[in-house]
Amino acid sequence: MSASSHEDSEEIEVKKKKRKNLFDILYNMNSGKEITEDDRKAPRNFTFFFKLAWRNFTRLFYANILFLLANFPIILIALFPARVFHTQALSPSSPLALPFLGVAEFGVTSPALASITGVFGNLSHVFIPTTLSWVILIIGVLLLLFTFGPVSVGIVYNLRNIVRGEPVFFLRDFWYAIKKNIRQGIIIGIVDLLLCALLVYDLIFFYARLGSSFANAMMFWATVFMILIYFTMRFYIYLLTVTFDLKIIHIFKNALIFAFLGFKRNFLATLGIIAVIFINFYLMVIYLPIGIVLPLIISIGLCMFMATYAAWPKIKEIMIDAYEQEDEYGEYDDSDDEE
């Protein structure tokens, strides 16, 4: 073999190794090299949250992007409020427009009528949903029912490992958690979305009737209380799913218990999530592009990380440490730790 052909073969091998390394970077997204023993043993308190979040900022970015890409039906649903496939039509801007326009049409004229018609007789463009708009919306909602739960399971599994101080191979672990919990993930995702939709509907319904009676006021504040409870329950639902081998009813029952047991950590995480949402809306008012971009690149991942960081220490304390990896409903499944 000539020297030139030998050099070519070596160059090909180098290129193959480079391609393999690039694939490893994209597929594994390994953060294990940055984990120290001190970080694993450090208490998951308020101060350490900022240190851990900063060190794993890139992984939170991955989580945000992956959550949106895997939940692609959200894009289909967003087309409806964006009125992409709506049709335009002219509509009176005031209920008094048609009577005054009718009077003017029959030839009755006067300076006063002309002035009033000029104020109340304006027509404005409105967007009317078409059949295609409704079809795309329904398809998006149906698809989201089957993607939301499994995707949340995969993301929370990675975030849990970050909080635990374990090596993270983001895409590999993401698919591993989904395959392992696919059935429960779909069912829990459907229940989760339906409960969220029901609570939001009840909030709007009773808010519109807030001043009509004492009973409606009581129902409104009861709905607010249930929203706060379920909001903190969601910190634990998917985390319990990827950590323990529990029935779905027990997952929701334990999540309800932890919503009260972990009140202090849940309260701080809720304040943090509210702060992130407020900053996003504030930036939308000040400079719309930044306010829109942030939820697409970091806000969702950061909020999910806050919830996981708040929930995991309490789960570890009560369901793992105190019972030596065993609880009354089932055994702690640590087989994923060997992956």
Protein backbone atom coordinates (compact mmCIF):
# COMPACT_ATOMS: atom_id res chain seq x y z
CA MET A 1 0.00 0.00 0.00
CA SER A 2 1.37 3.40 -0.94
CA ALA A 3 1.98 6.15 1.57
CA SER A 4 -0.77 8.33 0.04
CA SER A 5 -3.41 5.58 0.28
CA HIS A 6 -2.36 4.87 3.86
CA GLU A 7 -2.78 8.56 4.72
CA ASP A 8 -6.21 8.57 3.04
CA SER A 9 -7.36 5.59 5.09
CA GLU A 10 -6.19 7.28 8.28
CA GLU A 11 -8.06 10.44 7.30
CA ILE A 12 -11.24 8.41 6.72
CA GLU A 13 -10.89 6.78 10.14
CA VAL A 14 -10.45 10.20 11.75
CA LYS A 15 -13.58 11.48 10.01
CA LYS A 16 -15.54 8.43 11.17
CA LYS A 17 -14.45 9.05 14.74
CA LYS A 18 -15.43 12.70 14.47
CA ARG A 19 -18.87 11.75 13.16
CA LYS A 20 -19.28 9.26 15.98
CA ASN A 21 -18.25 11.80 18.58
CA LEU A 22 -20.69 14.36 17.17
CA PHE A 23 -23.47 11.78 17.34
CA ASP A 24 -22.53 10.96 20.92
CA ILE A 25 -22.74 14.62 21.84
CA LEU A 26 -26.17 15.05 20.27
CA TYR A 27 -27.53 11.74 21.52
CA ASN A 28 -26.07 11.45 24.99
CA MET A 29 -25.74 15.11 26.06
CA ASN A 30 -23.70 13.83 28.97
CA SER A 31 -23.50 15.99 32.10
CA GLY A 32 -21.91 13.33 34.30
CA LYS A 33 -18.43 14.83 34.00
CA GLU A 34 -19.57 17.98 35.80
CA ILE A 35 -20.94 16.14 38.86
CA THR A 36 -18.81 16.03 41.98
CA GLU A 37 -19.29 14.02 45.15
CA ASP A 38 -19.89 17.24 47.08
CA ASP A 39 -22.72 18.14 44.72
CA ARG A 40 -24.34 14.75 45.19
CA LYS A 41 -24.26 15.08 48.97
CA ALA A 42 -25.13 18.78 49.14
CA PRO A 43 -28.51 19.59 50.71
CA ARG A 44 -31.11 20.61 48.14
CA ASN A 45 -31.83 23.95 49.78
CA PHE A 46 -32.71 27.39 48.42
CA THR A 47 -29.08 28.45 47.85
CA PHE A 48 -28.00 25.26 46.09
CA PHE A 49 -30.91 25.61 43.64
CA PHE A 50 -29.25 28.54 41.86
CA LYS A 51 -25.90 26.76 41.75
CA LEU A 52 -27.42 23.60 40.29
CA ALA A 53 -29.62 25.48 37.83
CA TRP A 54 -26.67 27.51 36.55
CA ARG A 55 -24.47 24.43 36.09
CA ASN A 56 -27.24 22.68 34.18
CA PHE A 57 -28.53 25.67 32.24
CA THR A 58 -27.80 23.89 28.95
CA ARG A 59 -29.80 20.84 30.07
CA LEU A 60 -32.75 23.07 30.96
CA PHE A 61 -32.51 24.47 27.46
CA TYR A 62 -32.57 20.90 26.09
CA ALA A 63 -35.60 20.14 28.26
CA ASN A 64 -37.45 23.21 27.01
CA ILE A 65 -36.76 22.54 23.33
CA LEU A 66 -37.46 18.82 23.63
CA PHE A 67 -40.75 19.42 25.45
CA LEU A 68 -42.01 21.70 22.68
CA LEU A 69 -40.73 19.59 19.79
CA ALA A 70 -42.09 16.32 21.18
CA ASN A 71 -45.41 18.02 21.95
CA PHE A 72 -45.69 19.19 18.34
CA PRO A 73 -49.55 19.19 18.49
CA ILE A 74 -49.21 22.43 20.47
CA ILE A 75 -48.24 24.07 17.17
CA LEU A 76 -51.47 22.83 15.54
CA ILE A 77 -53.50 24.11 18.49
CA ALA A 78 -51.72 27.48 18.38
CA LEU A 79 -52.86 27.97 14.78
CA PHE A 80 -56.44 28.46 16.01
CA PRO A 81 -55.89 31.52 18.26
CA ALA A 82 -53.42 32.79 15.66
CA ARG A 83 -56.36 32.72 13.16
CA VAL A 84 -54.18 31.32 10.42
CA PHE A 85 -56.99 29.50 8.62
CA HIS A 86 -59.83 31.83 9.67
CA THR A 87 -61.78 33.85 7.15
CA GLN A 88 -62.36 37.60 7.37
CA ALA A 89 -65.71 39.36 7.37
CA LEU A 90 -67.16 42.77 8.16
CA SER A 91 -69.15 43.11 11.34
CA PRO A 92 -70.76 46.07 13.15
CA SER A 93 -68.53 47.37 15.90
CA SER A 94 -71.58 48.35 17.97
CA PRO A 95 -75.06 46.79 18.48
CA LEU A 96 -76.53 50.16 17.44
CA ALA A 97 -74.76 50.13 14.07
CA LEU A 98 -77.39 48.24 12.06
CA PRO A 99 -80.40 50.41 13.11
CA PHE A 100 -78.60 53.63 12.28
CA LEU A 101 -77.23 52.27 9.01
CA GLY A 102 -80.74 51.11 8.11
CA VAL A 103 -82.20 54.55 8.78
CA ALA A 104 -79.47 56.16 6.70
CA GLU A 105 -80.07 53.63 3.89
CA PHE A 106 -83.72 54.71 3.54
CA GLY A 107 -82.75 58.29 2.93
CA VAL A 108 -83.42 59.86 6.30
CA THR A 109 -80.67 62.38 6.76
CA SER A 110 -79.86 64.98 9.35
CA PRO A 111 -76.67 66.36 10.88
CA ALA A 112 -77.42 64.64 14.19
CA LEU A 113 -78.09 61.29 12.52
CA ALA A 114 -74.93 61.59 10.46
CA SER A 115 -72.89 62.26 13.61
CA ILE A 116 -74.42 59.35 15.51
CA THR A 117 -74.00 57.05 12.51
CA GLY A 118 -70.36 58.07 12.28
CA VAL A 119 -69.83 57.04 15.90
CA PHE A 120 -71.91 53.84 16.11
CA GLY A 121 -72.15 52.79 12.48
CA ASN A 122 -68.57 51.70 11.89
CA LEU A 123 -67.83 48.24 10.56
CA SER A 124 -64.75 46.28 11.58
CA HIS A 125 -63.00 43.19 10.30
CA VAL A 126 -63.61 40.00 12.28
CA PHE A 127 -62.06 36.56 11.87
CA ILE A 128 -64.45 33.63 11.63
CA PRO A 129 -63.23 30.04 12.18
CA THR A 130 -63.53 27.87 9.11
CA THR A 131 -64.12 24.13 8.96
CA LEU A 132 -60.39 23.64 8.36
CA SER A 133 -59.59 25.69 11.49
CA TRP A 134 -61.81 23.46 13.63
CA VAL A 135 -60.46 20.26 12.08
CA ILE A 136 -56.84 21.27 12.75
CA LEU A 137 -57.73 22.29 16.32
CA ILE A 138 -59.47 18.98 17.05
CA ILE A 139 -56.59 16.96 15.55
CA GLY A 140 -54.10 18.94 17.62
CA VAL A 141 -56.05 18.40 20.85
CA LEU A 142 -56.44 14.65 20.22
CA LEU A 143 -52.74 14.24 19.44
CA LEU A 144 -51.72 16.27 22.49
CA LEU A 145 -53.72 13.93 24.72
CA PHE A 146 -51.36 11.12 23.68
CA THR A 147 -48.07 13.05 23.64
CA PHE A 148 -48.27 15.29 26.70
CA GLY A 149 -48.01 12.59 29.37
CA PRO A 150 -45.16 10.52 27.87
CA VAL A 151 -43.16 13.64 27.02
CA SER A 152 -43.60 14.99 30.55
CA VAL A 153 -42.45 11.62 31.92
CA GLY A 154 -39.28 11.73 29.81
CA ILE A 155 -38.43 15.31 30.73
CA VAL A 156 -39.09 14.84 34.46
CA TYR A 157 -36.93 11.70 34.49
CA ASN A 158 -33.96 13.74 33.26
CA LEU A 159 -34.67 16.62 35.63
CA ARG A 160 -34.91 14.19 38.55
CA ASN A 161 -31.48 12.80 37.71
CA ILE A 162 -30.08 16.33 37.59
CA VAL A 163 -31.50 17.08 41.04
CA ARG A 164 -30.17 13.75 42.37
CA GLY A 165 -26.72 14.53 41.02
CA GLU A 166 -26.71 11.60 38.61
CA PRO A 167 -25.19 11.51 35.09
CA VAL A 168 -27.65 12.67 32.45
CA PHE A 169 -27.74 11.31 28.90
CA PHE A 170 -30.63 13.46 27.82
CA LEU A 171 -32.11 11.92 24.68
CA ARG A 172 -31.25 8.35 25.63
CA ASP A 173 -32.79 8.71 29.10
CA PHE A 174 -35.74 10.59 27.63
CA TRP A 175 -36.71 7.69 25.37
CA TYR A 176 -35.88 5.12 28.05
CA ALA A 177 -38.30 6.72 30.52
CA ILE A 178 -41.04 6.97 27.88
CA LYS A 179 -40.72 3.33 26.82
CA LYS A 180 -40.72 2.16 30.42
CA ASN A 181 -43.78 4.22 31.42
CA ILE A 182 -45.64 4.59 28.13
CA ARG A 183 -49.01 3.22 29.30
CA GLN A 184 -49.13 5.13 32.57
CA GLY A 185 -47.70 8.21 30.87
CA ILE A 186 -50.53 8.35 28.33
CA ILE A 187 -53.27 7.77 30.90
CA ILE A 188 -51.86 10.24 33.41
CA GLY A 189 -51.32 12.81 30.65
CA ILE A 190 -54.95 12.54 29.54
CA VAL A 191 -56.24 12.81 33.11
CA ASP A 192 -53.88 15.72 33.79
CA LEU A 193 -54.99 17.72 30.75
CA LEU A 194 -58.68 17.05 31.40
CA LEU A 195 -58.40 18.13 35.04
CA CYS A 196 -56.52 21.29 34.07
CA ALA A 197 -59.12 22.14 31.41
CA LEU A 198 -61.97 21.49 33.87
CA LEU A 199 -60.44 23.66 36.59
CA VAL A 200 -59.78 26.54 34.19
CA TYR A 201 -63.34 26.29 32.83
CA ASP A 202 -64.77 26.35 36.37
CA LEU A 203 -62.61 29.35 37.27
CA ILE A 204 -63.86 31.34 34.28
CA PHE A 205 -67.45 30.19 34.78
CA PHE A 206 -67.70 31.21 38.45
CA TYR A 207 -65.64 34.37 37.98
CA ALA A 208 -68.20 35.61 35.43
CA ARG A 209 -70.90 35.10 38.11
CA LEU A 210 -68.82 36.22 41.07
CA GLY A 211 -71.12 39.03 42.20
CA SER A 212 -74.45 37.36 41.44
CA SER A 213 -74.78 35.29 44.64
CA PHE A 214 -72.93 34.12 47.73
CA ALA A 215 -72.96 30.53 46.45
CA ASN A 216 -71.17 31.51 43.23
CA ALA A 217 -68.57 33.44 45.26
CA MET A 218 -67.97 30.39 47.44
CA MET A 219 -67.61 28.15 44.39
CA PHE A 220 -65.15 30.60 42.82
CA TRP A 221 -62.85 30.60 45.86
CA ALA A 222 -63.22 26.84 46.23
CA THR A 223 -62.08 26.51 42.61
CA VAL A 224 -59.09 28.78 43.29
CA PHE A 225 -58.15 26.58 46.26
CA MET A 226 -58.45 23.39 44.17
CA ILE A 227 -56.30 24.95 41.43
CA LEU A 228 -53.56 25.76 43.96
CA ILE A 229 -53.68 22.23 45.38
CA TYR A 230 -53.62 20.54 41.99
CA PHE A 231 -50.89 22.88 40.78
CA THR A 232 -48.59 21.61 43.55
CA MET A 233 -49.79 18.02 43.04
CA ARG A 234 -48.42 18.22 39.53
CA PHE A 235 -44.92 18.69 41.02
CA TYR A 236 -45.15 15.09 42.21
CA ILE A 237 -47.38 13.22 39.74
CA TYR A 238 -44.84 12.61 36.98
CA LEU A 239 -41.96 12.38 39.45
CA LEU A 240 -43.70 9.54 41.30
CA THR A 241 -44.45 7.87 37.96
CA VAL A 242 -40.79 7.63 36.93
CA THR A 243 -39.51 6.72 40.40
CA PHE A 244 -41.90 4.12 41.81
CA ASP A 245 -43.93 1.19 40.57
CA LEU A 246 -47.34 2.48 41.70
CA LYS A 247 -50.89 2.26 40.44
CA ILE A 248 -52.26 5.46 38.93
CA ILE A 249 -54.75 5.99 41.74
CA HIS A 250 -51.91 5.72 44.27
CA ILE A 251 -49.81 8.19 42.30
CA PHE A 252 -52.52 10.84 42.53
CA LYS A 253 -53.23 9.98 46.17
CA ASN A 254 -49.56 10.33 47.15
CA ALA A 255 -49.26 13.53 45.11
CA LEU A 256 -52.18 14.98 47.08
CA ILE A 257 -50.49 14.04 50.36
CA PHE A 258 -47.18 15.57 49.26
CA ALA A 259 -48.95 18.76 48.22
CA PHE A 260 -49.52 19.35 51.96
CA LEU A 261 -46.45 17.64 53.43
CA GLY A 262 -44.09 19.64 51.20
CA PHE A 263 -45.94 22.92 51.70
CA LYS A 264 -42.85 25.07 52.33
CA ARG A 265 -40.89 23.82 49.31
CA ASN A 266 -44.04 23.81 47.17
CA PHE A 267 -44.80 27.40 48.16
CA LEU A 268 -41.31 28.61 47.22
CA ALA A 269 -41.40 26.73 43.90
CA THR A 270 -44.84 28.20 43.14
CA LEU A 271 -43.54 31.71 43.82
CA GLY A 272 -40.58 31.03 41.52
CA ILE A 273 -42.81 29.76 38.71
CA ILE A 274 -45.14 32.75 39.10
CA ALA A 275 -42.09 35.04 38.95
CA VAL A 276 -40.91 33.43 35.69
CA ILE A 277 -44.40 33.79 34.16
CA PHE A 278 -44.64 37.42 35.31
CA ILE A 279 -41.23 38.26 33.83
CA ASN A 280 -42.28 36.69 30.53
CA PHE A 281 -45.47 38.75 30.32
CA TYR A 282 -43.63 41.89 31.42
CA LEU A 283 -41.03 41.41 28.68
CA MET A 284 -43.81 40.89 26.15
CA VAL A 285 -45.13 44.33 27.06
CA ILE A 286 -41.69 45.97 26.96
CA TYR A 287 -40.19 44.13 23.99
CA LEU A 288 -42.40 41.49 22.39
CA PRO A 289 -39.72 39.38 20.62
CA ILE A 290 -37.88 38.59 23.87
CA GLY A 291 -41.13 37.86 25.68
CA ILE A 292 -42.09 35.34 22.97
CA VAL A 293 -38.66 33.73 22.61
CA LEU A 294 -38.06 33.02 26.31
CA PRO A 295 -40.85 30.40 26.66
CA LEU A 296 -39.49 28.73 23.54
CA ILE A 297 -35.96 28.32 24.85
CA ILE A 298 -35.83 28.27 28.67
CA SER A 299 -38.97 29.26 30.64
CA ILE A 300 -40.78 25.90 30.46
CA GLY A 301 -37.66 23.90 31.30
CA LEU A 302 -36.84 26.24 34.20
CA CYS A 303 -40.34 25.98 35.66
CA MET A 304 -40.30 22.18 35.42
CA PHE A 305 -36.88 22.15 37.08
CA MET A 306 -38.19 24.29 39.95
CA ALA A 307 -41.05 21.86 40.50
CA THR A 308 -38.75 18.82 40.42
CA TYR A 309 -36.19 20.45 42.71
CA ALA A 310 -38.90 21.23 45.25
CA ALA A 311 -40.55 17.80 45.11
CA TRP A 312 -37.69 15.31 44.97
CA PRO A 313 -36.11 15.87 48.45
CA LYS A 314 -39.50 15.39 50.14
CA ILE A 315 -40.17 12.19 48.17
CA LYS A 316 -36.70 10.89 49.00
CA GLU A 317 -37.12 11.72 52.69
CA ILE A 318 -40.51 10.09 53.15
CA MET A 319 -40.75 7.30 50.58
CA ILE A 320 -37.12 6.20 50.20
CA ASP A 321 -35.00 7.08 53.21
CA ALA A 322 -37.59 6.47 55.92
CA TYR A 323 -38.81 3.15 54.53
CA GLU A 324 -35.54 1.88 53.08
CA GLN A 325 -36.73 2.05 49.46
CA GLU A 326 -40.11 0.50 50.20
CA ASP A 327 -43.57 1.99 50.80
CA GLU A 328 -46.99 0.56 51.52
CA TYR A 329 -48.09 0.50 47.86
CA GLY A 330 -45.08 -0.97 46.13
CA GLU A 331 -41.34 -1.11 45.98
CA TYR A 332 -39.03 1.67 44.96
CA ASP A 333 -37.89 0.82 41.49
CA ASP A 334 -34.19 1.65 41.21
CA SER A 335 -33.56 -0.45 38.14
CA ASP A 336 -33.30 2.75 36.12
CA ASP A 337 -30.27 3.73 38.21
CA GLU A 338 -28.30 0.94 36.59
CA GLU A 339 -28.82 2.30 33.12
